[in-house]
Amino acid sequence: MHLDTLNTSELFTEIAELARTEGVTGQNSWNELVNQVLEGHEDIGEMNDDQDLEGLRKDLYMKYTEYARESVPESDAAISEDPNNPHA
């Protein structure tokens, strides 16, 4: 499989799952993980020279805020909240 069949969203999902497993909590750690994942795909030949790797890398760097927003643990109040009567 070549990386050009993967889109930014699919790569984000892969990276976000790894980030949660590794406990990534900051932009620098996120960027390092993005680099590792992209280099891994490149090392096994899933990338080609025609792809805009720097553009892809920058797009994935900017997705840190989305990852952080999705990864915030729910509070006990939110967990026990009645979905039919929120904020009751």
Protein backbone atom coordinates (compact mmCIF):
# COMPACT_ATOMS: atom_id res chain seq x y z
CA MET A 1 0.00 0.00 0.00
CA HIS A 2 1.26 3.47 -0.82
CA LEU A 3 0.73 6.43 1.46
CA ASP A 4 -0.95 8.34 -1.35
CA THR A 5 -3.99 6.15 -0.65
CA LEU A 6 -4.06 7.56 2.88
CA ASN A 7 -5.38 11.02 3.51
CA THR A 8 -4.55 13.49 6.24
CA SER A 9 -7.56 12.33 8.25
CA GLU A 10 -6.43 8.71 8.23
CA LEU A 11 -2.89 9.68 9.21
CA PHE A 12 -4.27 11.90 11.96
CA THR A 13 -6.26 8.96 13.33
CA GLU A 14 -3.15 6.76 13.32
CA ILE A 15 -1.04 9.42 15.02
CA ALA A 16 -3.73 10.34 17.56
CA GLU A 17 -4.11 6.69 18.63
CA LEU A 18 -0.34 6.42 19.12
CA ALA A 19 -0.29 9.74 20.97
CA ARG A 20 -2.99 8.58 23.40
CA THR A 21 -1.08 5.35 24.01
CA GLU A 22 2.16 7.24 24.62
CA GLY A 23 0.51 9.96 26.72
CA VAL A 24 1.42 12.86 24.44
CA THR A 25 0.36 16.12 26.09
CA GLY A 26 2.26 18.84 24.26
CA GLN A 27 2.82 20.27 20.81
CA ASN A 28 6.52 19.35 20.73
CA SER A 29 5.83 15.71 21.58
CA TRP A 30 3.03 15.65 19.00
CA ASN A 31 5.37 17.04 16.32
CA GLU A 32 8.00 14.42 17.16
CA LEU A 33 5.40 11.67 16.82
CA VAL A 34 4.21 13.07 13.47
CA ASN A 35 7.82 12.98 12.26
CA GLN A 36 8.30 9.40 13.48
CA VAL A 37 5.13 8.14 11.80
CA LEU A 38 5.88 9.85 8.49
CA GLU A 39 9.49 8.66 8.55
CA GLY A 40 8.28 5.14 9.30
CA HIS A 41 6.01 5.17 6.27
CA GLU A 42 8.88 6.56 4.21
CA ASP A 43 11.36 3.94 5.47
CA ILE A 44 9.14 1.06 4.38
CA GLY A 45 8.54 2.60 0.97
CA GLU A 46 4.98 3.81 1.45
CA MET A 47 5.85 7.34 0.36
CA ASN A 48 7.14 8.67 -2.90
CA ASP A 49 9.12 11.75 -3.84
CA ASP A 50 6.16 13.28 -5.69
CA GLN A 51 4.20 13.82 -2.49
CA ASP A 52 4.18 17.13 -0.64
CA LEU A 53 5.63 15.68 2.54
CA GLU A 54 6.41 19.05 4.10
CA GLY A 55 2.86 20.25 3.48
CA LEU A 56 1.48 17.04 4.94
CA ARG A 57 3.80 17.37 7.94
CA LYS A 58 2.66 20.95 8.59
CA ASP A 59 -1.02 19.98 8.26
CA LEU A 60 -0.53 17.21 10.80
CA TYR A 61 1.38 19.52 13.16
CA MET A 62 -1.62 21.86 13.14
CA LYS A 63 -3.95 19.01 14.05
CA TYR A 64 -2.49 18.93 17.58
CA THR A 65 -5.27 21.20 18.84
CA GLU A 66 -7.87 18.77 17.48
CA TYR A 67 -6.09 15.88 19.19
CA ALA A 68 -5.85 17.81 22.46
CA ARG A 69 -9.54 18.74 22.35
CA GLU A 70 -10.57 15.13 21.69
CA SER A 71 -8.23 13.74 24.33
CA VAL A 72 -9.40 15.80 27.31
CA PRO A 73 -10.71 13.35 29.89
CA GLU A 74 -14.32 13.84 30.84
CA SER A 75 -15.00 15.15 34.31
CA ASP A 76 -16.88 13.01 36.81
CA ALA A 77 -19.79 15.44 36.50
CA ALA A 78 -19.94 15.00 32.74
CA ILE A 79 -19.74 11.23 33.03
CA SER A 80 -22.62 11.07 35.48
CA GLU A 81 -24.67 13.71 33.67
CA ASP A 82 -28.10 12.63 32.42
CA PRO A 83 -27.99 12.97 28.62
CA ASN A 84 -31.73 13.68 28.58
CA ASN A 85 -31.42 16.44 31.17
CA PRO A 86 -27.93 17.93 30.93
CA HIS A 87 -26.69 20.36 33.55
CA ALA A 88 -29.48 19.40 35.92
